[in-house]
């Protein structure tokens, strides 16, 4: 380098702070702006969860394996026992939206297994929430928050619970 180039370079470069760490606060500001601009619906009964796209998950197999093995911990849990289908719909929507905004990734929704049937029926449970919650999770409205969902592992509730992996907020 010529001396003139060196002088120009020294003027353009910002010195590193004594700690050696440079903090970039621009990301935090955009995150707060997105949360403030995000409008939650006022009436949850008007949300149509029946309109469903074809569910295809674009998620890494290793991430799914880590979730199922318990390497990724559950951030939050919603238990729908003793709630009606109408009440559950509002609770599920609010739960997913709030966890998405907070930045939680893995959540657990406990639906219960439903009423137990007789031996001739194979002891299988048939619950309204067990059938409808997966349909809600695959709806167009909630698909913008959800990256992947599946039946929980046996130690986390088995067929009476759903593991839901949420998307990240884009910055």
N, C-alpha and C. Protein backbone atom coordinates (compact mmCIF):
# COMPACT_ATOMS: atom_id res chain seq x y z
N UNK A 1 0.83 -1.18 0.00
CA UNK A 1 0.00 0.00 0.00
C UNK A 1 0.88 1.25 0.00
N UNK A 2 0.37 2.24 -0.66
CA UNK A 2 1.04 3.53 -0.67
C UNK A 2 0.57 4.29 0.58
N UNK A 3 1.38 5.22 1.06
CA UNK A 3 1.05 5.97 2.27
C UNK A 3 -0.32 6.64 2.19
N UNK A 4 -0.66 7.17 1.03
CA UNK A 4 -1.96 7.84 0.88
C UNK A 4 -3.11 6.84 1.08
N UNK A 5 -3.00 5.64 0.52
CA UNK A 5 -4.01 4.60 0.68
C UNK A 5 -4.14 4.19 2.15
N UNK A 6 -3.01 4.12 2.82
CA UNK A 6 -3.02 3.74 4.23
C UNK A 6 -3.75 4.78 5.07
N UNK A 7 -3.56 6.02 4.81
CA UNK A 7 -4.23 7.10 5.54
C UNK A 7 -5.74 7.05 5.30
N UNK A 8 -6.15 6.82 4.06
CA UNK A 8 -7.58 6.71 3.74
C UNK A 8 -8.18 5.51 4.47
N UNK A 9 -7.46 4.40 4.46
CA UNK A 9 -7.92 3.18 5.13
C UNK A 9 -8.12 3.44 6.63
N UNK A 10 -7.16 4.11 7.27
CA UNK A 10 -7.26 4.38 8.71
C UNK A 10 -8.45 5.27 9.04
N UNK A 11 -8.81 6.18 8.15
CA UNK A 11 -9.95 7.06 8.39
C UNK A 11 -11.28 6.31 8.26
N UNK A 12 -11.36 5.32 7.38
CA UNK A 12 -12.61 4.61 7.12
C UNK A 12 -12.89 3.50 8.11
N UNK A 13 -11.86 2.97 8.77
CA UNK A 13 -12.03 1.83 9.67
C UNK A 13 -12.46 2.31 11.05
N UNK A 14 -13.49 1.62 11.62
CA UNK A 14 -13.91 1.91 12.99
C UNK A 14 -13.07 1.06 13.94
N UNK A 15 -12.54 1.67 14.98
CA UNK A 15 -11.73 0.89 15.94
C UNK A 15 -12.61 -0.05 16.77
N UNK A 16 -12.06 -1.19 17.15
CA UNK A 16 -12.76 -2.15 18.00
C UNK A 16 -12.73 -1.62 19.43
N UNK A 17 -13.86 -1.81 20.12
CA UNK A 17 -13.92 -1.37 21.51
C UNK A 17 -12.93 -2.16 22.35
N UNK A 18 -12.64 -1.65 23.55
CA UNK A 18 -11.66 -2.29 24.41
C UNK A 18 -12.05 -3.72 24.75
N UNK A 19 -13.35 -3.99 24.88
CA UNK A 19 -13.77 -5.34 25.21
C UNK A 19 -13.57 -6.31 24.05
N UNK A 20 -13.45 -5.78 22.84
CA UNK A 20 -13.28 -6.62 21.66
C UNK A 20 -14.59 -7.13 21.10
N UNK A 21 -15.71 -6.72 21.71
CA UNK A 21 -17.02 -7.18 21.26
C UNK A 21 -17.78 -5.99 20.68
N UNK A 22 -18.27 -6.17 19.47
CA UNK A 22 -19.08 -5.14 18.83
C UNK A 22 -20.50 -5.65 18.80
N UNK A 23 -21.41 -4.88 19.40
CA UNK A 23 -22.81 -5.29 19.45
C UNK A 23 -23.56 -4.60 18.33
N UNK A 24 -24.40 -5.39 17.64
CA UNK A 24 -25.23 -4.86 16.58
C UNK A 24 -26.67 -4.88 17.08
N UNK A 25 -27.20 -3.73 17.39
CA UNK A 25 -28.55 -3.66 17.95
C UNK A 25 -29.63 -3.54 16.87
N UNK A 26 -29.25 -3.53 15.62
CA UNK A 26 -30.23 -3.38 14.54
C UNK A 26 -31.19 -4.56 14.49
N UNK A 27 -30.74 -5.77 14.84
CA UNK A 27 -31.61 -6.94 14.80
C UNK A 27 -32.71 -6.83 15.84
N UNK A 28 -32.38 -6.38 17.03
CA UNK A 28 -33.38 -6.26 18.08
C UNK A 28 -34.46 -5.26 17.70
N UNK A 29 -34.08 -4.17 17.05
CA UNK A 29 -35.05 -3.16 16.67
C UNK A 29 -36.03 -3.71 15.64
N UNK A 30 -35.56 -4.45 14.64
CA UNK A 30 -36.46 -5.00 13.64
C UNK A 30 -37.39 -6.04 14.25
N UNK A 31 -36.88 -6.81 15.22
CA UNK A 31 -37.71 -7.82 15.87
C UNK A 31 -38.84 -7.14 16.61
N UNK A 32 -38.55 -6.06 17.35
CA UNK A 32 -39.58 -5.35 18.08
C UNK A 32 -40.59 -4.72 17.13
N UNK A 33 -40.13 -4.20 16.00
CA UNK A 33 -41.03 -3.62 15.02
C UNK A 33 -41.98 -4.66 14.48
N UNK A 34 -41.47 -5.87 14.20
CA UNK A 34 -42.32 -6.93 13.67
C UNK A 34 -43.39 -7.33 14.68
N UNK A 35 -43.01 -7.40 15.95
CA UNK A 35 -44.00 -7.77 16.97
C UNK A 35 -45.06 -6.68 17.08
N UNK A 36 -44.67 -5.42 17.02
CA UNK A 36 -45.63 -4.33 17.13
C UNK A 36 -46.57 -4.29 15.92
N UNK A 37 -46.07 -4.63 14.73
CA UNK A 37 -46.89 -4.61 13.53
C UNK A 37 -47.75 -5.86 13.39
N UNK A 38 -47.48 -6.88 14.18
CA UNK A 38 -48.20 -8.14 14.09
C UNK A 38 -49.55 -7.99 14.77
N UNK A 39 -50.64 -8.17 14.05
CA UNK A 39 -51.97 -8.00 14.59
C UNK A 39 -52.61 -9.36 14.86
N UNK A 40 -52.97 -9.59 16.10
CA UNK A 40 -53.69 -10.81 16.46
C UNK A 40 -55.18 -10.59 16.21
N UNK A 41 -55.88 -11.64 15.78
CA UNK A 41 -57.31 -11.48 15.51
C UNK A 41 -58.09 -11.21 16.80
N UNK A 42 -59.17 -10.45 16.67
CA UNK A 42 -59.98 -10.12 17.84
C UNK A 42 -61.02 -11.20 18.12
N UNK A 43 -61.53 -11.83 17.07
CA UNK A 43 -62.55 -12.86 17.24
C UNK A 43 -62.04 -14.17 16.67
N UNK A 44 -61.72 -15.11 17.54
CA UNK A 44 -61.13 -16.38 17.12
C UNK A 44 -62.15 -17.31 16.47
N UNK A 45 -63.44 -17.06 16.69
CA UNK A 45 -64.46 -17.91 16.08
C UNK A 45 -64.52 -17.71 14.57
N UNK A 46 -64.10 -16.53 14.09
CA UNK A 46 -64.16 -16.23 12.67
C UNK A 46 -63.01 -16.84 11.87
N UNK A 47 -61.98 -17.32 12.54
CA UNK A 47 -60.84 -17.91 11.84
C UNK A 47 -61.25 -19.25 11.26
N UNK A 48 -61.00 -19.41 9.97
CA UNK A 48 -61.36 -20.65 9.28
C UNK A 48 -60.18 -21.62 9.35
N UNK A 49 -60.35 -22.68 10.14
CA UNK A 49 -59.31 -23.69 10.24
C UNK A 49 -59.65 -24.93 9.43
N UNK A 50 -60.69 -24.85 8.63
CA UNK A 50 -61.09 -26.00 7.82
C UNK A 50 -60.41 -26.01 6.45
N UNK A 51 -59.91 -24.86 6.02
CA UNK A 51 -59.25 -24.75 4.72
C UNK A 51 -57.82 -25.26 4.86
N UNK A 52 -57.54 -26.47 4.36
CA UNK A 52 -56.26 -27.12 4.59
C UNK A 52 -55.45 -27.29 3.30
N UNK A 53 -54.17 -26.94 3.36
CA UNK A 53 -53.29 -27.23 2.22
C UNK A 53 -52.80 -28.67 2.32
N UNK A 54 -52.13 -29.12 1.27
CA UNK A 54 -51.47 -30.41 1.36
C UNK A 54 -50.28 -30.24 2.30
N UNK A 55 -50.22 -31.03 3.35
CA UNK A 55 -49.17 -30.86 4.37
C UNK A 55 -47.89 -31.54 3.92
N UNK A 56 -46.88 -30.73 3.70
CA UNK A 56 -45.57 -31.28 3.40
C UNK A 56 -44.56 -30.54 4.25
N UNK A 57 -43.72 -31.28 4.94
CA UNK A 57 -42.76 -30.68 5.85
C UNK A 57 -41.40 -30.63 5.19
N UNK A 58 -40.82 -29.45 5.19
CA UNK A 58 -39.47 -29.28 4.68
C UNK A 58 -38.54 -29.14 5.86
N UNK A 59 -38.41 -30.22 6.60
CA UNK A 59 -37.58 -30.16 7.79
C UNK A 59 -36.52 -31.25 7.73
N UNK A 60 -35.37 -30.94 8.26
CA UNK A 60 -34.24 -31.84 8.27
C UNK A 60 -34.56 -33.09 9.10
N UNK A 61 -34.23 -34.26 8.57
CA UNK A 61 -34.48 -35.52 9.28
C UNK A 61 -33.73 -35.57 10.60
N UNK A 62 -32.54 -34.98 10.64
CA UNK A 62 -31.77 -34.99 11.89
C UNK A 62 -32.44 -34.16 12.97
N UNK A 63 -33.08 -33.06 12.59
CA UNK A 63 -33.80 -32.24 13.57
C UNK A 63 -34.99 -33.01 14.12
N UNK A 64 -35.71 -33.71 13.26
CA UNK A 64 -36.84 -34.52 13.71
C UNK A 64 -36.35 -35.61 14.67
N UNK A 65 -35.24 -36.22 14.34
CA UNK A 65 -34.66 -37.26 15.20
C UNK A 65 -34.27 -36.68 16.56
N UNK A 66 -33.69 -35.46 16.55
CA UNK A 66 -33.29 -34.82 17.81
C UNK A 66 -34.52 -34.48 18.66
N UNK A 67 -35.62 -34.09 18.02
CA UNK A 67 -36.86 -33.80 18.74
C UNK A 67 -37.39 -35.07 19.38
N UNK A 68 -37.46 -36.13 18.60
CA UNK A 68 -38.01 -37.40 19.10
C UNK A 68 -37.15 -38.02 20.19
N UNK A 69 -35.82 -37.80 20.13
CA UNK A 69 -34.92 -38.34 21.16
C UNK A 69 -34.85 -37.46 22.39
N UNK A 70 -35.51 -36.31 22.38
CA UNK A 70 -35.52 -35.42 23.54
C UNK A 70 -34.31 -34.51 23.63
N UNK A 71 -33.53 -34.40 22.56
CA UNK A 71 -32.35 -33.51 22.56
C UNK A 71 -32.77 -32.05 22.52
N UNK A 72 -33.91 -31.76 21.88
CA UNK A 72 -34.48 -30.41 21.86
C UNK A 72 -35.60 -30.40 22.90
N UNK A 73 -35.49 -29.50 23.86
CA UNK A 73 -36.46 -29.50 24.96
C UNK A 73 -37.74 -28.74 24.57
N UNK A 74 -38.82 -29.14 25.20
CA UNK A 74 -40.12 -28.52 24.97
C UNK A 74 -40.16 -27.19 25.72
N UNK A 75 -40.51 -26.13 25.01
CA UNK A 75 -40.53 -24.79 25.59
C UNK A 75 -41.81 -24.51 26.37
N UNK A 76 -42.93 -25.02 25.88
CA UNK A 76 -44.21 -24.71 26.49
C UNK A 76 -45.20 -25.83 26.22
N UNK A 77 -46.18 -25.98 27.13
CA UNK A 77 -47.17 -27.06 27.02
C UNK A 77 -48.57 -26.51 27.18
N UNK A 78 -49.50 -27.01 26.39
CA UNK A 78 -50.92 -26.66 26.50
C UNK A 78 -51.70 -27.95 26.72
N UNK A 79 -52.45 -28.00 27.83
CA UNK A 79 -53.27 -29.17 28.16
C UNK A 79 -54.72 -28.83 27.88
N UNK A 80 -55.34 -29.55 26.96
CA UNK A 80 -56.71 -29.28 26.55
C UNK A 80 -57.75 -30.16 27.25
N UNK A 81 -57.33 -30.93 28.23
CA UNK A 81 -58.29 -31.74 28.99
C UNK A 81 -59.37 -30.84 29.59
N UNK A 82 -60.59 -31.27 29.54
CA UNK A 82 -61.78 -30.63 30.11
C UNK A 82 -62.23 -29.38 29.35
N UNK A 83 -61.71 -29.12 28.16
CA UNK A 83 -62.18 -27.99 27.36
C UNK A 83 -63.02 -28.50 26.20
N UNK A 84 -64.00 -27.70 25.80
CA UNK A 84 -64.82 -28.05 24.65
C UNK A 84 -64.03 -27.79 23.37
N UNK A 85 -64.56 -28.25 22.24
CA UNK A 85 -63.90 -28.05 20.96
C UNK A 85 -63.82 -26.55 20.65
N UNK A 86 -64.87 -25.82 20.94
CA UNK A 86 -64.91 -24.38 20.67
C UNK A 86 -63.86 -23.64 21.52
N UNK A 87 -63.79 -23.97 22.80
CA UNK A 87 -62.79 -23.34 23.69
C UNK A 87 -61.38 -23.74 23.28
N UNK A 88 -61.21 -24.98 22.88
CA UNK A 88 -59.90 -25.48 22.49
C UNK A 88 -59.37 -24.79 21.25
N UNK A 89 -60.26 -24.49 20.31
CA UNK A 89 -59.85 -23.82 19.08
C UNK A 89 -59.18 -22.49 19.40
N UNK A 90 -59.82 -21.69 20.26
CA UNK A 90 -59.25 -20.39 20.64
C UNK A 90 -57.94 -20.57 21.41
N UNK A 91 -57.90 -21.53 22.31
CA UNK A 91 -56.68 -21.77 23.11
C UNK A 91 -55.51 -22.20 22.23
N UNK A 92 -55.76 -23.08 21.27
CA UNK A 92 -54.69 -23.56 20.38
C UNK A 92 -54.15 -22.42 19.53
N UNK A 93 -55.03 -21.60 18.97
CA UNK A 93 -54.60 -20.48 18.13
C UNK A 93 -53.77 -19.49 18.94
N UNK A 94 -54.27 -19.09 20.10
CA UNK A 94 -53.55 -18.14 20.96
C UNK A 94 -52.20 -18.72 21.40
N UNK A 95 -52.20 -20.00 21.77
CA UNK A 95 -50.98 -20.66 22.24
C UNK A 95 -49.90 -20.67 21.15
N UNK A 96 -50.28 -21.01 19.94
CA UNK A 96 -49.31 -21.07 18.84
C UNK A 96 -48.83 -19.66 18.49
N UNK A 97 -49.74 -18.70 18.38
CA UNK A 97 -49.33 -17.33 18.05
C UNK A 97 -48.41 -16.74 19.10
N UNK A 98 -48.75 -16.92 20.37
CA UNK A 98 -47.93 -16.36 21.45
C UNK A 98 -46.54 -17.00 21.49
N UNK A 99 -46.47 -18.31 21.35
CA UNK A 99 -45.17 -18.98 21.36
C UNK A 99 -44.34 -18.59 20.14
N UNK A 100 -44.98 -18.38 19.02
CA UNK A 100 -44.28 -17.93 17.82
C UNK A 100 -43.66 -16.55 18.06
N UNK A 101 -44.45 -15.64 18.65
CA UNK A 101 -43.96 -14.28 18.90
C UNK A 101 -42.85 -14.24 19.94
N UNK A 102 -42.93 -15.12 20.93
CA UNK A 102 -41.90 -15.18 21.97
C UNK A 102 -40.60 -15.76 21.41
N UNK A 103 -40.74 -16.65 20.43
CA UNK A 103 -39.56 -17.28 19.82
C UNK A 103 -39.36 -18.71 20.27
N UNK A 104 -40.36 -19.29 20.96
CA UNK A 104 -40.28 -20.71 21.32
C UNK A 104 -40.39 -21.54 20.06
N UNK A 105 -39.66 -22.62 20.01
CA UNK A 105 -39.66 -23.45 18.80
C UNK A 105 -40.46 -24.75 18.99
N UNK A 106 -40.21 -25.49 20.07
CA UNK A 106 -40.87 -26.79 20.26
C UNK A 106 -41.91 -26.67 21.36
N UNK A 107 -43.16 -26.96 21.02
CA UNK A 107 -44.24 -26.91 22.00
C UNK A 107 -44.99 -28.24 21.99
N UNK A 108 -45.71 -28.50 23.08
CA UNK A 108 -46.47 -29.73 23.23
C UNK A 108 -47.93 -29.37 23.46
N UNK A 109 -48.82 -29.97 22.69
CA UNK A 109 -50.26 -29.78 22.86
C UNK A 109 -50.85 -31.13 23.27
N UNK A 110 -51.41 -31.18 24.48
CA UNK A 110 -52.00 -32.42 25.00
C UNK A 110 -53.50 -32.38 24.71
N UNK A 111 -53.95 -33.31 23.90
CA UNK A 111 -55.37 -33.38 23.53
C UNK A 111 -56.10 -34.42 24.37
N UNK A 112 -55.39 -35.41 24.85
CA UNK A 112 -56.01 -36.55 25.52
C UNK A 112 -56.34 -37.61 24.49
N UNK A 113 -56.57 -38.82 24.95
CA UNK A 113 -56.83 -39.92 24.03
C UNK A 113 -58.31 -40.13 23.76
N UNK A 114 -59.15 -39.48 24.52
CA UNK A 114 -60.59 -39.60 24.30
C UNK A 114 -61.19 -40.75 25.07
N UNK A 115 -62.46 -41.01 24.81
CA UNK A 115 -63.19 -42.07 25.49
C UNK A 115 -62.65 -43.43 25.11
N UNK A 116 -62.40 -44.27 26.10
CA UNK A 116 -61.90 -45.62 25.84
C UNK A 116 -63.03 -46.51 25.35
N UNK A 117 -62.74 -47.27 24.31
CA UNK A 117 -63.73 -48.20 23.76
C UNK A 117 -63.51 -49.59 24.35
N UNK A 118 -64.40 -50.49 24.06
CA UNK A 118 -64.36 -51.84 24.63
C UNK A 118 -63.25 -52.69 24.01
N UNK A 119 -63.10 -53.90 24.56
CA UNK A 119 -62.08 -54.83 24.07
C UNK A 119 -62.35 -55.20 22.61
N UNK A 120 -63.62 -55.38 22.26
CA UNK A 120 -63.95 -55.75 20.88
C UNK A 120 -63.56 -54.66 19.89
N UNK A 121 -63.49 -53.42 20.36
CA UNK A 121 -63.08 -52.30 19.51
C UNK A 121 -61.56 -52.12 19.49
N UNK A 122 -60.85 -52.86 20.32
CA UNK A 122 -59.40 -52.81 20.34
C UNK A 122 -58.83 -51.83 21.35
N UNK A 123 -59.63 -51.42 22.32
CA UNK A 123 -59.18 -50.52 23.40
C UNK A 123 -58.71 -49.15 22.89
N UNK A 124 -59.06 -48.82 21.69
CA UNK A 124 -58.60 -47.55 21.16
C UNK A 124 -59.52 -46.41 21.61
N UNK A 125 -58.91 -45.25 21.82
CA UNK A 125 -59.68 -44.08 22.21
C UNK A 125 -60.14 -43.31 21.00
N UNK A 126 -61.28 -42.66 21.13
CA UNK A 126 -61.81 -41.88 20.03
C UNK A 126 -62.25 -40.53 20.59
N UNK A 127 -61.35 -39.55 20.56
CA UNK A 127 -61.65 -38.24 21.11
C UNK A 127 -61.85 -37.20 20.03
N UNK A 128 -62.74 -36.24 20.31
CA UNK A 128 -63.00 -35.17 19.34
C UNK A 128 -61.76 -34.31 19.14
N UNK A 129 -61.10 -33.94 20.23
CA UNK A 129 -59.91 -33.10 20.11
C UNK A 129 -58.75 -33.85 19.47
N UNK A 130 -58.66 -35.14 19.76
CA UNK A 130 -57.60 -35.96 19.16
C UNK A 130 -57.71 -35.97 17.64
N UNK A 131 -58.94 -35.90 17.13
CA UNK A 131 -59.18 -35.87 15.68
C UNK A 131 -59.04 -34.47 15.10
N UNK A 132 -59.56 -33.45 15.80
CA UNK A 132 -59.66 -32.12 15.20
C UNK A 132 -58.40 -31.27 15.32
N UNK A 133 -57.64 -31.39 16.40
CA UNK A 133 -56.46 -30.54 16.57
C UNK A 133 -55.44 -30.74 15.44
N UNK A 134 -55.13 -31.98 15.02
CA UNK A 134 -54.21 -32.11 13.87
C UNK A 134 -54.75 -31.47 12.59
N UNK A 135 -56.08 -31.46 12.41
CA UNK A 135 -56.67 -30.79 11.25
C UNK A 135 -56.48 -29.28 11.35
N UNK A 136 -56.62 -28.74 12.56
CA UNK A 136 -56.39 -27.30 12.76
C UNK A 136 -54.93 -26.95 12.49
N UNK A 137 -54.01 -27.79 12.96
CA UNK A 137 -52.59 -27.50 12.79
C UNK A 137 -52.17 -27.50 11.32
N UNK A 138 -52.88 -28.24 10.49
CA UNK A 138 -52.54 -28.28 9.07
C UNK A 138 -53.34 -27.26 8.25
N UNK A 139 -54.10 -26.38 8.92
CA UNK A 139 -54.89 -25.37 8.21
C UNK A 139 -53.99 -24.30 7.63
N UNK A 140 -54.51 -23.58 6.65
CA UNK A 140 -53.76 -22.48 6.02
C UNK A 140 -53.39 -21.41 7.04
N UNK A 141 -54.30 -21.11 7.94
CA UNK A 141 -54.06 -20.04 8.92
C UNK A 141 -52.87 -20.37 9.83
N UNK A 142 -52.83 -21.57 10.38
CA UNK A 142 -51.76 -21.93 11.32
C UNK A 142 -50.50 -22.41 10.62
N UNK A 143 -50.58 -22.76 9.34
CA UNK A 143 -49.39 -23.25 8.64
C UNK A 143 -48.31 -22.18 8.49
N UNK A 144 -48.68 -20.91 8.62
CA UNK A 144 -47.66 -19.86 8.54
C UNK A 144 -46.78 -19.80 9.79
N UNK A 145 -47.21 -20.46 10.87
CA UNK A 145 -46.42 -20.51 12.10
C UNK A 145 -45.70 -21.84 12.29
N UNK A 146 -46.25 -22.92 11.72
CA UNK A 146 -45.80 -24.27 12.03
C UNK A 146 -44.88 -24.80 10.94
N UNK A 147 -43.75 -25.34 11.37
CA UNK A 147 -42.80 -25.96 10.46
C UNK A 147 -43.06 -27.46 10.36
N UNK A 148 -43.44 -28.07 11.50
CA UNK A 148 -43.63 -29.53 11.55
C UNK A 148 -44.47 -29.88 12.78
N UNK A 149 -45.28 -30.93 12.70
CA UNK A 149 -45.94 -31.48 13.88
C UNK A 149 -46.15 -32.98 13.69
N UNK A 150 -46.23 -33.68 14.83
CA UNK A 150 -46.42 -35.13 14.80
C UNK A 150 -46.91 -35.59 16.17
N UNK A 151 -47.34 -36.84 16.23
CA UNK A 151 -47.74 -37.44 17.50
C UNK A 151 -46.52 -37.49 18.41
N UNK A 152 -46.75 -37.19 19.69
CA UNK A 152 -45.65 -37.16 20.66
C UNK A 152 -45.12 -38.56 20.93
N UNK A 153 -43.92 -38.62 21.46
CA UNK A 153 -43.32 -39.88 21.86
C UNK A 153 -44.07 -40.42 23.09
N UNK A 154 -44.00 -41.72 23.37
CA UNK A 154 -44.76 -42.31 24.48
C UNK A 154 -44.52 -41.63 25.84
N UNK A 155 -43.27 -41.24 26.12
CA UNK A 155 -43.00 -40.62 27.42
C UNK A 155 -43.54 -39.19 27.52
N UNK A 156 -43.94 -38.61 26.40
CA UNK A 156 -44.49 -37.25 26.40
C UNK A 156 -46.00 -37.23 26.16
N UNK A 157 -46.63 -38.39 26.12
CA UNK A 157 -48.08 -38.43 25.97
C UNK A 157 -48.57 -39.33 24.85
N UNK A 158 -47.68 -39.78 24.01
CA UNK A 158 -48.06 -40.71 22.94
C UNK A 158 -49.13 -40.15 22.02
N UNK A 159 -50.12 -40.97 21.72
CA UNK A 159 -51.16 -40.56 20.77
C UNK A 159 -52.11 -39.52 21.34
N UNK A 160 -51.98 -39.21 22.62
CA UNK A 160 -52.83 -38.19 23.25
C UNK A 160 -52.18 -36.82 23.28
N UNK A 161 -51.06 -36.66 22.57
CA UNK A 161 -50.37 -35.36 22.55
C UNK A 161 -49.70 -35.15 21.20
N UNK A 162 -49.44 -33.90 20.89
CA UNK A 162 -48.80 -33.54 19.62
C UNK A 162 -47.59 -32.65 19.89
N UNK A 163 -46.47 -33.00 19.25
CA UNK A 163 -45.28 -32.15 19.28
C UNK A 163 -45.38 -31.21 18.08
N UNK A 164 -45.17 -29.91 18.32
CA UNK A 164 -45.28 -28.92 17.25
C UNK A 164 -43.98 -28.11 17.24
N UNK A 165 -43.35 -28.05 16.07
CA UNK A 165 -42.11 -27.28 15.90
C UNK A 165 -42.45 -26.03 15.10
N UNK A 166 -42.25 -24.87 15.70
CA UNK A 166 -42.63 -23.60 15.09
C UNK A 166 -41.52 -22.99 14.26
N UNK A 167 -41.90 -22.17 13.31
CA UNK A 167 -40.94 -21.46 12.47
C UNK A 167 -40.30 -20.33 13.27
N UNK A 168 -39.18 -19.81 12.75
CA UNK A 168 -38.54 -18.65 13.34
C UNK A 168 -39.15 -17.40 12.72
N UNK A 169 -39.11 -16.31 13.48
CA UNK A 169 -39.55 -15.03 12.93
C UNK A 169 -38.47 -14.55 11.98
N UNK A 170 -38.85 -14.22 10.76
CA UNK A 170 -37.88 -13.74 9.77
C UNK A 170 -37.49 -12.31 10.11
N UNK A 171 -36.21 -12.04 10.04
CA UNK A 171 -35.73 -10.69 10.36
C UNK A 171 -35.44 -9.92 9.10
